[in-house]
Amino acid sequence: MKRIITLTVMNRPGVLNRITNLFSKRNYNIESISVGYSEQEGISRITCVVHVENDGVLEQITKQLNKQIDVIKVMDITEQSIVARELALIKVVSNSSTRNEIYSLIQPFRASVIDVSKDSLVIQLTGESDKVEAFIELIKPYGIKELARTGTTAFLRGTQKPSQAIKPYSIV
């Protein structure tokens, strides 16, 4: 089953390496991972999408992540009300005869063209992973030259535990 795990970590060298090594040592594949600064200086947020066989495996992963020195908080947010997005950049083969067709496909997905050349378009699309997948399948017949995806970034909606409750600690 697919799970979305968020980690709040100290922004220090090697943190991401230690997190990913933990998964690889236990032979768990990370489907996607996104990392970036949070609203607090020195704190980063990591979002991992992983496939696990059962809740026991998920519990084991969570316990192992919590043992890491630079990890402040680990949450499985899969079953909660969340905001989740992914960014995709797609370079599509495009000439004067297909350009209008491609533009008509882009519009319902609220995507945007961010670069135009003689023989291609670069399309930017944000949304949930299912939306990105649907668009990619729709645009494939035109010929995808390049594709880059960020992976899922997510956090809890609205009034659920605010991230400001996280208090960074310092190591003396």
C-alpha atoms as a PDB file:
ATOM      1  CA  MET A   1       0.000   0.000   0.000  1.00  0.00           C
ATOM      2  CA  LYS A   2       1.153   3.523  -0.832  1.00  0.00           C
ATOM      3  CA  ARG A   3       1.939   5.737   2.185  1.00  0.00           C
ATOM      4  CA  ILE A   4       2.877   9.417   2.467  1.00  0.00           C
ATOM      5  CA  ILE A   5       5.363  10.058   5.250  1.00  0.00           C
ATOM      6  CA  THR A   6       6.498  13.547   6.227  1.00  0.00           C
ATOM      7  CA  LEU A   7       9.600  14.260   8.261  1.00  0.00           C
ATOM      8  CA  THR A   8      10.671  17.463   9.909  1.00  0.00           C
ATOM      9  CA  VAL A   9      14.459  17.455  10.193  1.00  0.00           C
ATOM     10  CA  MET A  10      17.361  19.654  11.150  1.00  0.00           C
ATOM     11  CA  ASN A  11      18.862  21.145   8.010  1.00  0.00           C
ATOM     12  CA  ARG A  12      22.349  19.667   8.298  1.00  0.00           C
ATOM     13  CA  PRO A  13      24.741  17.961   5.868  1.00  0.00           C
ATOM     14  CA  GLY A  14      24.088  14.244   5.431  1.00  0.00           C
ATOM     15  CA  VAL A  15      20.536  14.155   6.824  1.00  0.00           C
ATOM     16  CA  LEU A  16      18.943  13.173   3.522  1.00  0.00           C
ATOM     17  CA  ASN A  17      21.617  10.537   2.934  1.00  0.00           C
ATOM     18  CA  ARG A  18      20.980   8.944   6.344  1.00  0.00           C
ATOM     19  CA  ILE A  19      17.209   8.911   5.738  1.00  0.00           C
ATOM     20  CA  THR A  20      17.471   7.303   2.297  1.00  0.00           C
ATOM     21  CA  ASN A  21      20.064   4.793   3.534  1.00  0.00           C
ATOM     22  CA  LEU A  22      17.626   3.710   6.226  1.00  0.00           C
ATOM     23  CA  PHE A  23      15.089   2.807   3.529  1.00  0.00           C
ATOM     24  CA  SER A  24      17.598   1.091   1.239  1.00  0.00           C
ATOM     25  CA  LYS A  25      19.162  -1.006   4.037  1.00  0.00           C
ATOM     26  CA  ARG A  26      15.724  -2.441   4.748  1.00  0.00           C
ATOM     27  CA  ASN A  27      15.005  -2.931   1.037  1.00  0.00           C
ATOM     28  CA  TYR A  28      12.110  -0.427   0.886  1.00  0.00           C
ATOM     29  CA  ASN A  29      11.764   1.579  -2.279  1.00  0.00           C
ATOM     30  CA  ILE A  30      11.023   5.296  -2.136  1.00  0.00           C
ATOM     31  CA  GLU A  31       8.577   6.089  -4.942  1.00  0.00           C
ATOM     32  CA  SER A  32       9.175   9.825  -4.610  1.00  0.00           C
ATOM     33  CA  ILE A  33      10.956  12.150  -2.231  1.00  0.00           C
ATOM     34  CA  SER A  34      10.918  15.926  -2.030  1.00  0.00           C
ATOM     35  CA  VAL A  35      12.931  18.071   0.335  1.00  0.00           C
ATOM     36  CA  GLY A  36      12.950  21.773   1.027  1.00  0.00           C
ATOM     37  CA  TYR A  37      13.297  24.463   3.628  1.00  0.00           C
ATOM     38  CA  SER A  38      10.407  24.953   6.021  1.00  0.00           C
ATOM     39  CA  GLU A  39       9.030  28.132   7.553  1.00  0.00           C
ATOM     40  CA  GLN A  40      11.597  27.868  10.373  1.00  0.00           C
ATOM     41  CA  GLU A  41      15.263  28.622   9.823  1.00  0.00           C
ATOM     42  CA  GLY A  42      17.459  25.540  10.093  1.00  0.00           C
ATOM     43  CA  ILE A  43      14.512  23.144   9.667  1.00  0.00           C
ATOM     44  CA  SER A  44      13.645  21.237   6.469  1.00  0.00           C
ATOM     45  CA  ARG A  45      10.632  19.182   5.510  1.00  0.00           C
ATOM     46  CA  ILE A  46      10.919  15.867   3.670  1.00  0.00           C
ATOM     47  CA  THR A  47       7.957  14.163   2.010  1.00  0.00           C
ATOM     48  CA  CYS A  48       8.403  10.494   1.064  1.00  0.00           C
ATOM     49  CA  VAL A  49       5.958   8.355  -0.850  1.00  0.00           C
ATOM     50  CA  VAL A  50       6.677   4.685  -0.177  1.00  0.00           C
ATOM     51  CA  HIS A  51       5.045   1.327  -0.815  1.00  0.00           C
ATOM     52  CA  VAL A  52       4.842  -0.928   2.233  1.00  0.00           C
ATOM     53  CA  GLU A  53       3.341  -4.397   2.591  1.00  0.00           C
ATOM     54  CA  ASN A  54       1.520  -3.835   5.884  1.00  0.00           C
ATOM     55  CA  ASP A  55       1.133  -1.614   8.959  1.00  0.00           C
ATOM     56  CA  GLY A  56       3.873  -3.512  10.805  1.00  0.00           C
ATOM     57  CA  VAL A  57       6.415  -2.490   8.186  1.00  0.00           C
ATOM     58  CA  LEU A  58       5.174   1.106   8.364  1.00  0.00           C
ATOM     59  CA  GLU A  59       5.532   1.092  12.146  1.00  0.00           C
ATOM     60  CA  GLN A  60       9.077  -0.275  11.841  1.00  0.00           C
ATOM     61  CA  ILE A  61      10.022   2.454   9.343  1.00  0.00           C
ATOM     62  CA  THR A  62       8.538   5.155  11.574  1.00  0.00           C
ATOM     63  CA  LYS A  63      10.415   3.898  14.649  1.00  0.00           C
ATOM     64  CA  GLN A  64      13.712   3.733  12.751  1.00  0.00           C
ATOM     65  CA  LEU A  65      13.229   7.251  11.366  1.00  0.00           C
ATOM     66  CA  ASN A  66      12.470   8.609  14.842  1.00  0.00           C
ATOM     67  CA  LYS A  67      15.793   7.172  16.082  1.00  0.00           C
ATOM     68  CA  GLN A  68      17.752   9.383  13.690  1.00  0.00           C
ATOM     69  CA  ILE A  69      19.513  12.247  15.530  1.00  0.00           C
ATOM     70  CA  ASP A  70      18.468  15.053  13.173  1.00  0.00           C
ATOM     71  CA  VAL A  71      14.838  13.924  12.827  1.00  0.00           C
ATOM     72  CA  ILE A  72      12.452  16.085  14.832  1.00  0.00           C
ATOM     73  CA  LYS A  73       9.109  14.619  13.795  1.00  0.00           C
ATOM     74  CA  VAL A  74       7.795  11.766  11.628  1.00  0.00           C
ATOM     75  CA  MET A  75       4.170  11.537  10.514  1.00  0.00           C
ATOM     76  CA  ASP A  76       2.240   9.167   8.272  1.00  0.00           C
ATOM     77  CA  ILE A  77      -0.317  11.565   6.790  1.00  0.00           C
ATOM     78  CA  THR A  78      -1.860   9.177   4.253  1.00  0.00           C
ATOM     79  CA  GLU A  79      -5.210   8.783   6.022  1.00  0.00           C
ATOM     80  CA  GLN A  80      -5.502  12.430   7.099  1.00  0.00           C
ATOM     81  CA  SER A  81      -6.882  15.471   5.340  1.00  0.00           C
ATOM     82  CA  ILE A  82      -3.890  16.804   3.401  1.00  0.00           C
ATOM     83  CA  VAL A  83      -2.827  19.193   0.674  1.00  0.00           C
ATOM     84  CA  ALA A  84      -0.562  17.350  -1.786  1.00  0.00           C
ATOM     85  CA  ARG A  85       0.968  18.601  -5.012  1.00  0.00           C
ATOM     86  CA  GLU A  86       3.552  17.615  -7.580  1.00  0.00           C
ATOM     87  CA  LEU A  87       5.267  19.651 -10.280  1.00  0.00           C
ATOM     88  CA  ALA A  88       5.983  18.271 -13.740  1.00  0.00           C
ATOM     89  CA  LEU A  89       7.932  19.850 -16.593  1.00  0.00           C
ATOM     90  CA  ILE A  90       7.231  18.189 -19.922  1.00  0.00           C
ATOM     91  CA  LYS A  91       8.945  18.947 -23.228  1.00  0.00           C
ATOM     92  CA  VAL A  92       6.624  17.872 -26.032  1.00  0.00           C
ATOM     93  CA  VAL A  93       7.246  17.612 -29.755  1.00  0.00           C
ATOM     94  CA  SER A  94       5.237  20.380 -31.363  1.00  0.00           C
ATOM     95  CA  ASN A  95       5.048  21.878 -34.816  1.00  0.00           C
ATOM     96  CA  SER A  96       2.673  24.396 -36.343  1.00  0.00           C
ATOM     97  CA  SER A  97       0.073  21.734 -37.177  1.00  0.00           C
ATOM     98  CA  THR A  98      -0.113  20.174 -33.678  1.00  0.00           C
ATOM     99  CA  ARG A  99       0.446  23.254 -31.510  1.00  0.00           C
ATOM    100  CA  ASN A 100      -3.249  24.260 -31.308  1.00  0.00           C
ATOM    101  CA  GLU A 101      -4.266  20.697 -30.402  1.00  0.00           C
ATOM    102  CA  ILE A 102      -1.719  20.626 -27.590  1.00  0.00           C
ATOM    103  CA  TYR A 103      -2.889  24.006 -26.291  1.00  0.00           C
ATOM    104  CA  SER A 104      -6.455  22.663 -26.167  1.00  0.00           C
ATOM    105  CA  LEU A 105      -5.259  19.718 -24.037  1.00  0.00           C
ATOM    106  CA  ILE A 106      -3.336  21.993 -21.668  1.00  0.00           C
ATOM    107  CA  GLN A 107      -6.270  24.258 -20.828  1.00  0.00           C
ATOM    108  CA  PRO A 108      -8.510  21.833 -18.849  1.00  0.00           C
ATOM    109  CA  PHE A 109      -5.504  20.782 -16.723  1.00  0.00           C
ATOM    110  CA  ARG A 110      -4.648  24.407 -15.878  1.00  0.00           C
ATOM    111  CA  ALA A 111      -1.138  23.790 -17.114  1.00  0.00           C
ATOM    112  CA  SER A 112       0.959  26.486 -18.721  1.00  0.00           C
ATOM    113  CA  VAL A 113       3.435  26.697 -21.555  1.00  0.00           C
ATOM    114  CA  ILE A 114       6.695  28.105 -20.200  1.00  0.00           C
ATOM    115  CA  ASP A 115       8.905  27.746 -23.281  1.00  0.00           C
ATOM    116  CA  VAL A 116       8.237  27.604 -27.002  1.00  0.00           C
ATOM    117  CA  SER A 117      10.670  26.651 -29.727  1.00  0.00           C
ATOM    118  CA  LYS A 118      10.312  25.787 -33.400  1.00  0.00           C
ATOM    119  CA  ASP A 119       9.836  22.068 -32.732  1.00  0.00           C
ATOM    120  CA  SER A 120       8.768  21.791 -29.077  1.00  0.00           C
ATOM    121  CA  LEU A 121       6.831  23.196 -26.131  1.00  0.00           C
ATOM    122  CA  VAL A 122       7.741  23.012 -22.455  1.00  0.00           C
ATOM    123  CA  ILE A 123       4.659  22.573 -20.312  1.00  0.00           C
ATOM    124  CA  GLN A 124       4.486  23.166 -16.555  1.00  0.00           C
ATOM    125  CA  LEU A 125       1.812  21.287 -14.619  1.00  0.00           C
ATOM    126  CA  THR A 126       1.090  21.196 -10.898  1.00  0.00           C
ATOM    127  CA  GLY A 127      -1.445  19.066  -9.083  1.00  0.00           C
ATOM    128  CA  GLU A 128      -1.995  15.741  -7.433  1.00  0.00           C
ATOM    129  CA  SER A 129      -0.044  12.790  -8.826  1.00  0.00           C
ATOM    130  CA  ASP A 130      -3.146  11.320 -10.500  1.00  0.00           C
ATOM    131  CA  LYS A 131      -3.702  14.565 -12.420  1.00  0.00           C
ATOM    132  CA  VAL A 132      -0.057  14.621 -13.561  1.00  0.00           C
ATOM    133  CA  GLU A 133      -0.277  10.958 -14.650  1.00  0.00           C
ATOM    134  CA  ALA A 134      -3.502  11.622 -16.596  1.00  0.00           C
ATOM    135  CA  PHE A 135      -1.962  14.552 -18.441  1.00  0.00           C
ATOM    136  CA  ILE A 136       1.191  12.604 -19.319  1.00  0.00           C
ATOM    137  CA  GLU A 137      -0.903   9.767 -20.781  1.00  0.00           C
ATOM    138  CA  LEU A 138      -2.930  12.283 -22.797  1.00  0.00           C
ATOM    139  CA  ILE A 139       0.125  14.065 -24.212  1.00  0.00           C
ATOM    140  CA  LYS A 140       2.202  10.920 -24.987  1.00  0.00           C
ATOM    141  CA  PRO A 141       0.912  10.485 -28.553  1.00  0.00           C
ATOM    142  CA  TYR A 142       2.454  13.852 -29.487  1.00  0.00           C
ATOM    143  CA  GLY A 143       5.902  12.681 -28.382  1.00  0.00           C
ATOM    144  CA  ILE A 144       7.522  13.505 -25.077  1.00  0.00           C
ATOM    145  CA  LYS A 145      11.125  14.637 -25.523  1.00  0.00           C
ATOM    146  CA  GLU A 146      11.880  15.143 -21.825  1.00  0.00           C
ATOM    147  CA  LEU A 147      10.017  14.752 -18.553  1.00  0.00           C
ATOM    148  CA  ALA A 148      10.949  15.845 -15.018  1.00  0.00           C
ATOM    149  CA  ARG A 149       8.759  15.403 -11.938  1.00  0.00           C
ATOM    150  CA  THR A 150       9.368  16.666  -8.428  1.00  0.00           C
ATOM    151  CA  GLY A 151       7.516  13.995  -6.511  1.00  0.00           C
ATOM    152  CA  THR A 152       4.770  14.661  -3.996  1.00  0.00           C
ATOM    153  CA  THR A 153       5.031  17.465  -1.466  1.00  0.00           C
ATOM    154  CA  ALA A 154       2.338  17.424   1.214  1.00  0.00           C
ATOM    155  CA  PHE A 155       1.233  18.607   4.630  1.00  0.00           C
ATOM    156  CA  LEU A 156      -1.888  18.614   6.786  1.00  0.00           C
ATOM    157  CA  ARG A 157      -4.845  20.828   5.901  1.00  0.00           C
ATOM    158  CA  GLY A 158      -6.225  23.716   7.924  1.00  0.00           C
ATOM    159  CA  THR A 159      -6.573  23.436  11.679  1.00  0.00           C
ATOM    160  CA  GLN A 160      -4.792  20.141  12.129  1.00  0.00           C
ATOM    161  CA  LYS A 161      -1.593  20.342  14.221  1.00  0.00           C
ATOM    162  CA  PRO A 162       0.204  23.465  12.966  1.00  0.00           C
ATOM    163  CA  SER A 163       3.843  23.131  11.962  1.00  0.00           C
ATOM    164  CA  GLN A 164       4.692  26.095  14.219  1.00  0.00           C
ATOM    165  CA  ALA A 165       4.454  23.713  17.165  1.00  0.00           C
ATOM    166  CA  ILE A 166       7.815  22.294  16.132  1.00  0.00           C
ATOM    167  CA  LYS A 167      10.531  23.628  18.390  1.00  0.00           C
ATOM    168  CA  PRO A 168      14.042  23.164  17.016  1.00  0.00           C
ATOM    169  CA  TYR A 169      16.616  21.939  19.475  1.00  0.00           C
ATOM    170  CA  SER A 170      20.268  22.752  19.518  1.00  0.00           C
ATOM    171  CA  ILE A 171      23.152  20.399  20.062  1.00  0.00           C
ATOM    172  CA  VAL A 172      25.835  21.873  22.256  1.00  0.00           C
END
